[in-house]
Amino acid sequence: MGKVFEREAFGLAAKDESGVLSPFRFSRRETGEKDVRFRVLFCGICHTDVCMAKNEWGFTTYPLVPGHEIVGVVIEVGAKVTKFKAGDKVGVGYMLSSCRSCDICTDDQENFCPKMIITSGGKYYDDTMTNGGYSDHMVCEEDYIVRIPENLPLDAAAPLLCAGVSVYSPMKYHGLDKPGIHIGVVGLGGLGHIAVKFAKAMGTKVTVISTSDSKRDEAINRLGADLFLLSRDPEEMNDSVGTMDGIIDTVSATHPLLPLLGLLKYKGKLIMVGAPAKPLEFPVLPLILGKKMVVGSMTGGIKESQEMVDFAGKHNITADIELISADYVNTAMERLEKGNVRYRFVIDVANTLKPTPQLIICD
């Protein structure tokens, strides 16, 4: 028998800009000395997956295996791995690696490193394309893996790896994590509903801002928000002008920013975590008159991601999910584009995506 040089993997891939996913065989590298290999159990479906699959941002390389909200169980570790062992519950988010030496990386913000390698659709050091978690197993450097708390169910914890840290990070960074702070959350979707849960666990006052009045009861009576604003109702919006310290805007569709800026207090911050495909109109005068800020934020570094899942474990915070089989993924993506999910699709990879990994032998 020849030398084992790589592992066969099986997943779902988009082959063109239709974004339709179909079965795909590919290879993952052999386990390096600092690598962790784990069996993928569940993977969340992020709106970014849809954008990448359809090349909406213009840089997708096909075939593309999406998925960056990945959880599973370790099946193998490299000789120099010290943080994990077989059987550990782990997760991988938006990135697989970074340079580790720039000022951004040393500030534990690897997700902003110019050389950061994304989990799906990026280019690895050996010039091969990275393949995401819509697949049966993953291999990743141990420094880019987080440990999932034992008390969290893995399926509902998967979306924390992107949606969770994407809202947790700006709350912490911009000082919106303290009791007495008033936070607005725009959009009650995959990111928004987790933002409400984190904000309430931090002791803040939370107002959900939505175009859909049907979400009022859900926001207040089930998720625990203090207030709800229907953004299409001028009277409701006017009554809340100048009341919020910060707003987390999770919406990925085109929407007006002017009404949101009006809700902010003096020096308030509007934090954009959604990624609309088209540019938004940017009103400057309200910023000048109120010394307000519009800032962006994207996921979080590994240290912050671990802190986030540990916080979620302490407060029993998970995503509200609809668990689906692998053969439902294209329908799920269509529904996601229409906002028809409460609030995150998660693929039951281990039980519905076949076959399992095999070895490829070089004679």
Protein backbone atom coordinates (compact mmCIF):
# COMPACT_ATOMS: atom_id res chain seq x y z
CA MET A 1 0.00 0.00 0.00
CA GLY A 2 1.29 3.46 -0.92
CA LYS A 3 1.62 6.56 1.16
CA VAL A 4 -1.46 8.27 2.57
CA PHE A 5 -1.22 11.87 1.38
CA GLU A 6 -4.69 13.37 1.70
CA ARG A 7 -8.25 12.66 2.72
CA GLU A 8 -11.24 12.43 0.46
CA ALA A 9 -14.10 14.67 1.52
CA PHE A 10 -17.70 14.94 0.43
CA GLY A 11 -19.91 18.00 0.50
CA LEU A 12 -22.28 20.32 -1.31
CA ALA A 13 -20.93 22.89 -3.75
CA ALA A 14 -22.16 25.70 -5.98
CA LYS A 15 -20.74 25.21 -9.47
CA ASP A 16 -21.84 28.52 -11.05
CA GLU A 17 -23.64 31.80 -10.35
CA SER A 18 -27.01 30.07 -10.11
CA GLY A 19 -25.92 29.29 -6.58
CA VAL A 20 -27.54 25.86 -6.74
CA LEU A 21 -25.72 23.36 -4.54
CA SER A 22 -25.07 19.78 -5.61
CA PRO A 23 -22.94 16.84 -4.37
CA PHE A 24 -19.20 17.40 -4.68
CA ARG A 25 -16.15 15.25 -3.96
CA PHE A 26 -12.88 16.96 -3.08
CA SER A 27 -9.76 16.48 -0.97
CA ARG A 28 -8.58 17.94 2.30
CA ARG A 29 -4.93 17.98 3.36
CA GLU A 30 -3.45 15.38 5.65
CA THR A 31 -3.43 16.32 9.33
CA GLY A 32 -0.39 18.52 9.96
CA GLU A 33 1.47 18.65 13.24
CA LYS A 34 -0.56 21.67 14.44
CA ASP A 35 -3.83 20.65 12.78
CA VAL A 36 -7.10 19.42 14.25
CA ARG A 37 -9.39 17.25 12.15
CA PHE A 38 -13.00 16.98 13.18
CA ARG A 39 -16.17 15.36 11.95
CA VAL A 40 -18.71 18.00 11.02
CA LEU A 41 -21.98 17.43 12.86
CA PHE A 42 -23.84 20.66 12.10
CA CYS A 43 -23.36 23.77 9.97
CA GLY A 44 -25.40 26.95 9.98
CA ILE A 45 -26.54 28.70 6.81
CA CYS A 46 -25.49 32.35 6.82
CA HIS A 47 -26.73 35.00 4.38
CA THR A 48 -23.08 35.33 3.35
CA ASP A 49 -23.27 31.76 2.03
CA VAL A 50 -26.04 32.81 -0.34
CA CYS A 51 -24.11 35.88 -1.50
CA MET A 52 -20.96 33.85 -2.10
CA ALA A 53 -22.78 31.01 -3.86
CA LYS A 54 -24.36 33.49 -6.30
CA ASN A 55 -21.21 35.62 -6.66
CA GLU A 56 -23.11 38.71 -5.53
CA TRP A 57 -19.86 40.33 -4.32
CA GLY A 58 -17.94 39.50 -7.47
CA PHE A 59 -15.05 37.41 -6.13
CA THR A 60 -16.42 33.87 -5.85
CA THR A 61 -14.31 31.06 -7.33
CA TYR A 62 -16.17 27.91 -8.32
CA PRO A 63 -16.74 25.23 -7.24
CA LEU A 64 -17.59 26.69 -3.83
CA VAL A 65 -18.35 24.63 -0.72
CA PRO A 66 -20.06 27.14 1.63
CA GLY A 67 -20.33 27.10 5.40
CA HIS A 68 -18.56 28.92 8.24
CA GLU A 69 -20.77 28.19 11.26
CA ILE A 70 -19.32 24.74 11.80
CA VAL A 71 -19.41 22.49 14.85
CA GLY A 72 -18.33 18.92 15.35
CA VAL A 73 -16.24 16.42 17.27
CA VAL A 74 -12.47 16.04 17.02
CA ILE A 75 -11.37 12.77 15.39
CA GLU A 76 -7.62 13.38 15.04
CA VAL A 77 -4.94 15.85 16.16
CA GLY A 78 -1.42 16.58 14.95
CA ALA A 79 1.69 15.69 16.95
CA LYS A 80 2.18 19.23 18.30
CA VAL A 81 -1.45 20.04 19.10
CA THR A 82 -1.83 20.98 22.77
CA LYS A 83 -5.31 22.50 23.07
CA PHE A 84 -7.54 19.70 21.80
CA LYS A 85 -7.90 15.95 21.82
CA ALA A 86 -10.11 13.37 20.15
CA GLY A 87 -13.70 13.63 21.34
CA ASP A 88 -13.65 17.36 22.07
CA LYS A 89 -16.58 19.46 20.87
CA VAL A 90 -15.23 22.24 18.67
CA GLY A 91 -16.23 24.90 16.19
CA VAL A 92 -14.81 26.92 13.29
CA GLY A 93 -16.12 30.28 12.18
CA TYR A 94 -15.39 32.70 9.36
CA MET A 95 -11.61 32.24 9.18
CA LEU A 96 -9.07 29.44 9.00
CA SER A 97 -5.82 31.35 9.39
CA SER A 98 -4.05 34.72 9.42
CA CYS A 99 -0.48 36.04 9.37
CA ARG A 100 -0.16 36.03 13.22
CA SER A 101 2.51 38.76 13.11
CA CYS A 102 0.87 42.05 12.06
CA ASP A 103 -0.41 44.65 14.54
CA ILE A 104 -3.97 43.51 13.88
CA CYS A 105 -3.23 39.89 14.73
CA THR A 106 -1.26 40.80 17.85
CA ASP A 107 -4.31 42.82 18.90
CA ASP A 108 -6.34 39.57 18.73
CA GLN A 109 -8.36 40.86 15.78
CA GLU A 110 -7.21 38.28 13.23
CA ASN A 111 -10.50 38.61 11.36
CA PHE A 112 -9.27 41.98 10.02
CA CYS A 113 -5.78 40.78 9.05
CA PRO A 114 -5.01 41.57 5.37
CA LYS A 115 -3.78 37.99 5.03
CA MET A 116 -6.73 36.40 6.81
CA ILE A 117 -7.92 33.24 5.04
CA ILE A 118 -11.67 32.75 4.96
CA THR A 119 -13.13 29.33 5.71
CA SER A 120 -15.07 29.06 2.47
CA GLY A 121 -13.96 30.39 -0.90
CA GLY A 122 -10.53 31.60 0.19
CA LYS A 123 -7.10 30.58 -0.99
CA TYR A 124 -4.91 28.60 1.41
CA TYR A 125 -1.09 28.80 1.65
CA ASP A 126 -0.67 25.99 -0.88
CA ASP A 127 -2.87 27.88 -3.41
CA THR A 128 -5.77 25.44 -3.01
CA MET A 129 -9.25 26.84 -2.40
CA THR A 130 -10.71 26.53 1.07
CA ASN A 131 -13.90 24.50 1.40
CA GLY A 132 -16.43 25.20 4.12
CA GLY A 133 -18.63 23.26 6.48
CA TYR A 134 -21.27 21.94 4.08
CA SER A 135 -19.05 18.85 4.15
CA ASP A 136 -18.45 15.74 6.17
CA HIS A 137 -15.21 16.77 7.89
CA MET A 138 -12.83 19.69 8.37
CA VAL A 139 -9.15 20.20 9.08
CA CYS A 140 -7.93 23.44 10.65
CA GLU A 141 -4.97 24.84 12.56
CA GLU A 142 -5.63 24.49 16.29
CA ASP A 143 -5.20 28.22 16.92
CA TYR A 144 -8.32 28.96 14.85
CA ILE A 145 -10.64 26.52 16.55
CA VAL A 146 -12.89 27.27 19.53
CA ARG A 147 -14.07 24.89 22.21
CA ILE A 148 -17.84 24.56 22.57
CA PRO A 149 -19.13 24.51 26.18
CA GLU A 150 -20.49 21.14 27.21
CA ASN A 151 -23.92 22.48 28.19
CA LEU A 152 -24.70 23.96 24.75
CA PRO A 153 -26.50 21.79 22.19
CA LEU A 154 -24.25 21.68 19.15
CA ASP A 155 -26.94 22.26 16.53
CA ALA A 156 -28.20 25.48 18.16
CA ALA A 157 -24.66 26.58 19.03
CA ALA A 158 -23.43 26.45 15.42
CA PRO A 159 -24.74 29.92 14.42
CA LEU A 160 -22.82 31.48 17.31
CA LEU A 161 -19.60 30.96 15.31
CA CYS A 162 -20.61 33.75 12.91
CA ALA A 163 -23.95 35.34 13.82
CA GLY A 164 -23.13 35.24 17.53
CA VAL A 165 -19.68 36.78 17.44
CA SER A 166 -20.76 39.30 14.78
CA VAL A 167 -23.06 40.98 17.31
CA TYR A 168 -21.13 40.19 20.50
CA SER A 169 -17.90 41.76 19.23
CA PRO A 170 -19.23 45.29 18.53
CA MET A 171 -21.20 45.34 21.77
CA LYS A 172 -18.02 44.67 23.72
CA TYR A 173 -15.72 46.87 21.65
CA HIS A 174 -17.99 49.92 21.70
CA GLY A 175 -18.92 49.66 25.37
CA LEU A 176 -22.53 48.64 24.78
CA ASP A 177 -22.30 45.72 27.20
CA LYS A 178 -23.00 47.53 30.46
CA PRO A 179 -26.19 47.69 32.55
CA GLY A 180 -28.12 50.88 31.89
CA ILE A 181 -27.02 51.15 28.27
CA HIS A 182 -29.89 51.38 25.75
CA ILE A 183 -29.29 49.32 22.59
CA GLY A 184 -31.36 49.22 19.43
CA VAL A 185 -31.32 46.08 17.31
CA VAL A 186 -32.37 46.54 13.69
CA GLY A 187 -33.79 43.36 12.16
CA LEU A 188 -34.98 40.31 14.06
CA GLY A 189 -33.31 37.66 11.93
CA GLY A 190 -30.35 35.34 12.31
CA LEU A 191 -28.07 37.98 13.84
CA GLY A 192 -30.72 40.18 15.40
CA HIS A 193 -32.37 37.60 17.63
CA ILE A 194 -28.98 36.58 19.06
CA ALA A 195 -28.11 40.24 19.59
CA VAL A 196 -31.23 40.61 21.73
CA LYS A 197 -30.28 37.57 23.82
CA PHE A 198 -26.70 38.75 24.37
CA ALA A 199 -27.76 42.32 25.16
CA LYS A 200 -30.31 41.21 27.75
CA ALA A 201 -27.77 38.86 29.35
CA MET A 202 -25.42 41.85 29.62
CA GLY A 203 -28.11 43.77 31.52
CA THR A 204 -28.87 46.41 28.90
CA LYS A 205 -32.17 47.91 27.80
CA VAL A 206 -33.06 46.57 24.34
CA THR A 207 -35.33 47.95 21.64
CA VAL A 208 -36.01 45.89 18.52
CA ILE A 209 -36.53 47.92 15.33
CA SER A 210 -38.29 46.12 12.50
CA THR A 211 -40.38 46.70 9.39
CA SER A 212 -42.67 43.84 10.43
CA ASP A 213 -45.20 44.42 13.19
CA SER A 214 -45.77 40.67 13.35
CA LYS A 215 -42.46 40.40 15.21
CA ARG A 216 -43.54 42.66 18.07
CA ASP A 217 -44.87 39.89 20.29
CA GLU A 218 -41.93 37.63 19.51
CA ALA A 219 -39.40 40.33 20.35
CA ILE A 220 -40.92 41.35 23.67
CA ASN A 221 -42.68 38.30 25.08
CA ARG A 222 -40.34 35.52 23.94
CA LEU A 223 -36.91 37.07 23.40
CA GLY A 224 -37.26 39.56 26.25
CA ALA A 225 -36.75 42.88 24.46
CA ASP A 226 -37.93 45.89 26.44
CA LEU A 227 -39.42 47.81 23.52
CA PHE A 228 -40.36 47.37 19.88
CA LEU A 229 -40.39 50.02 17.16
CA LEU A 230 -42.13 49.59 13.84
CA SER A 231 -39.75 51.48 11.56
CA ARG A 232 -42.58 52.19 9.08
CA ASP A 233 -44.55 54.04 11.77
CA PRO A 234 -43.37 57.70 11.94
CA GLU A 235 -45.12 58.29 15.26
CA GLU A 236 -43.41 55.36 16.99
CA MET A 237 -40.04 56.37 15.57
CA ASN A 238 -40.48 60.03 16.55
CA ASP A 239 -41.35 59.08 20.13
CA SER A 240 -37.95 57.38 20.45
CA VAL A 241 -35.74 60.05 18.88
CA GLY A 242 -32.50 60.57 20.83
CA THR A 243 -33.00 57.67 23.26
CA MET A 244 -30.38 55.07 22.28
CA ASP A 245 -26.68 54.81 23.10
CA GLY A 246 -26.01 52.48 20.21
CA ILE A 247 -27.72 50.54 17.45
CA ILE A 248 -26.68 47.19 15.99
CA ASP A 249 -27.90 47.13 12.38
CA THR A 250 -28.10 43.52 11.19
CA VAL A 251 -30.08 44.09 7.98
CA SER A 252 -28.52 42.95 4.69
CA ALA A 253 -31.18 44.54 2.47
CA THR A 254 -31.14 48.13 1.24
CA HIS A 255 -32.70 50.37 3.87
CA PRO A 256 -32.63 54.03 5.01
CA LEU A 257 -30.11 55.08 7.67
CA LEU A 258 -31.51 58.55 8.44
CA PRO A 259 -34.33 57.35 10.75
CA LEU A 260 -31.87 55.18 12.66
CA LEU A 261 -29.44 58.03 13.19
CA GLY A 262 -32.31 60.04 14.63
CA LEU A 263 -32.82 57.44 17.36
CA LEU A 264 -29.29 57.89 18.68
CA LYS A 265 -28.28 60.05 21.61
CA TYR A 266 -25.45 62.57 21.41
CA LYS A 267 -22.27 60.60 20.55
CA GLY A 268 -24.38 57.54 19.74
CA LYS A 269 -23.06 54.82 17.45
CA LEU A 270 -24.75 53.08 14.55
CA ILE A 271 -22.88 49.81 14.03
CA MET A 272 -23.31 48.07 10.69
CA VAL A 273 -22.95 44.30 10.75
CA GLY A 274 -25.28 43.47 7.86
CA ALA A 275 -23.78 43.61 4.36
CA PRO A 276 -26.22 44.99 1.74
CA ALA A 277 -25.22 44.16 -1.82
CA LYS A 278 -25.98 47.74 -2.94
CA PRO A 279 -24.60 50.98 -1.42
CA LEU A 280 -26.72 52.72 1.20
CA GLU A 281 -27.46 56.46 1.22
CA PHE A 282 -25.24 58.05 3.84
CA PRO A 283 -26.65 61.22 5.48
CA VAL A 284 -23.82 63.31 6.93
CA LEU A 285 -25.63 66.22 8.63
CA PRO A 286 -27.09 64.13 11.51
CA LEU A 287 -23.59 62.91 12.30
CA ILE A 288 -22.21 66.43 12.46
CA LEU A 289 -25.06 67.81 14.56
CA GLY A 290 -24.93 65.00 17.12
CA LYS A 291 -21.26 63.97 17.02
CA LYS A 292 -22.58 60.54 16.07
CA MET A 293 -20.73 57.68 14.41
CA VAL A 294 -21.47 55.07 11.77
CA VAL A 295 -19.00 52.20 12.07
CA GLY A 296 -18.64 48.69 10.71
CA SER A 297 -17.83 45.41 12.40
CA MET A 298 -17.13 41.91 11.09
CA THR A 299 -17.22 38.69 13.14
CA GLY A 300 -14.43 38.61 15.76
CA GLY A 301 -10.98 37.26 16.55
CA ILE A 302 -10.40 33.81 18.00
CA LYS A 303 -9.89 35.01 21.57
CA GLU A 304 -13.09 37.01 21.33
CA SER A 305 -14.94 34.09 19.71
CA GLN A 306 -13.96 31.81 22.60
CA GLU A 307 -15.02 34.48 25.07
CA MET A 308 -18.34 34.75 23.25
CA VAL A 309 -19.17 31.03 23.32
CA ASP A 310 -18.11 30.84 26.98
CA PHE A 311 -20.48 33.74 27.74
CA ALA A 312 -23.20 31.91 25.80
CA GLY A 313 -22.51 28.78 27.81
CA LYS A 314 -22.71 30.69 31.10
CA HIS A 315 -26.05 32.24 30.15
CA ASN A 316 -27.43 29.29 28.15
CA ILE A 317 -27.66 31.35 24.96
CA THR A 318 -28.16 29.56 21.66
CA ALA A 319 -29.69 30.42 18.31
CA ASP A 320 -33.29 29.65 17.47
CA ILE A 321 -32.91 27.22 14.60
CA GLU A 322 -34.71 25.16 12.02
CA LEU A 323 -32.75 21.94 11.63
CA ILE A 324 -32.75 20.69 8.04
CA SER A 325 -31.41 17.79 6.03
CA ALA A 326 -28.69 18.27 3.44
CA ASP A 327 -31.08 17.65 0.56
CA TYR A 328 -33.20 20.64 1.68
CA VAL A 329 -30.37 23.17 1.48
CA ASN A 330 -31.34 24.79 -1.85
CA THR A 331 -34.89 25.33 -0.65
CA ALA A 332 -33.53 26.72 2.62
CA MET A 333 -31.40 29.24 0.76
CA GLU A 334 -34.41 30.38 -1.25
CA ARG A 335 -36.39 30.80 1.95
CA LEU A 336 -33.51 32.65 3.61
CA GLU A 337 -33.45 35.21 0.80
CA LYS A 338 -37.14 35.84 1.47
CA GLY A 339 -36.62 36.10 5.22
CA ASN A 340 -38.68 32.97 5.74
CA VAL A 341 -36.83 31.36 8.64
CA ARG A 342 -37.00 31.65 12.41
CA TYR A 343 -34.18 32.40 12.77
CA ARG A 344 -31.32 30.30 11.43
CA PHE A 345 -31.19 27.23 9.23
CA VAL A 346 -28.74 24.59 10.45
CA ILE A 347 -27.82 21.57 8.35
CA ASP A 348 -27.79 18.19 10.11
CA VAL A 349 -24.58 17.26 8.32
CA ALA A 350 -23.61 14.08 10.14
CA ASN A 351 -26.99 12.38 9.74
CA THR A 352 -27.98 13.53 6.25
CA LEU A 353 -24.84 14.21 4.18
CA LYS A 354 -23.28 11.03 2.82
CA PRO A 355 -20.83 9.39 2.23
CA THR A 356 -18.34 9.66 5.10
CA PRO A 357 -14.62 10.53 4.59
CA GLN A 358 -12.33 7.98 2.97
CA LEU A 359 -8.60 7.78 2.43
CA ILE A 360 -7.04 8.43 -0.95
CA ILE A 361 -4.05 6.14 -1.52
CA CYS A 362 -1.09 7.00 -3.68
CA ASP A 363 0.37 3.84 -5.23
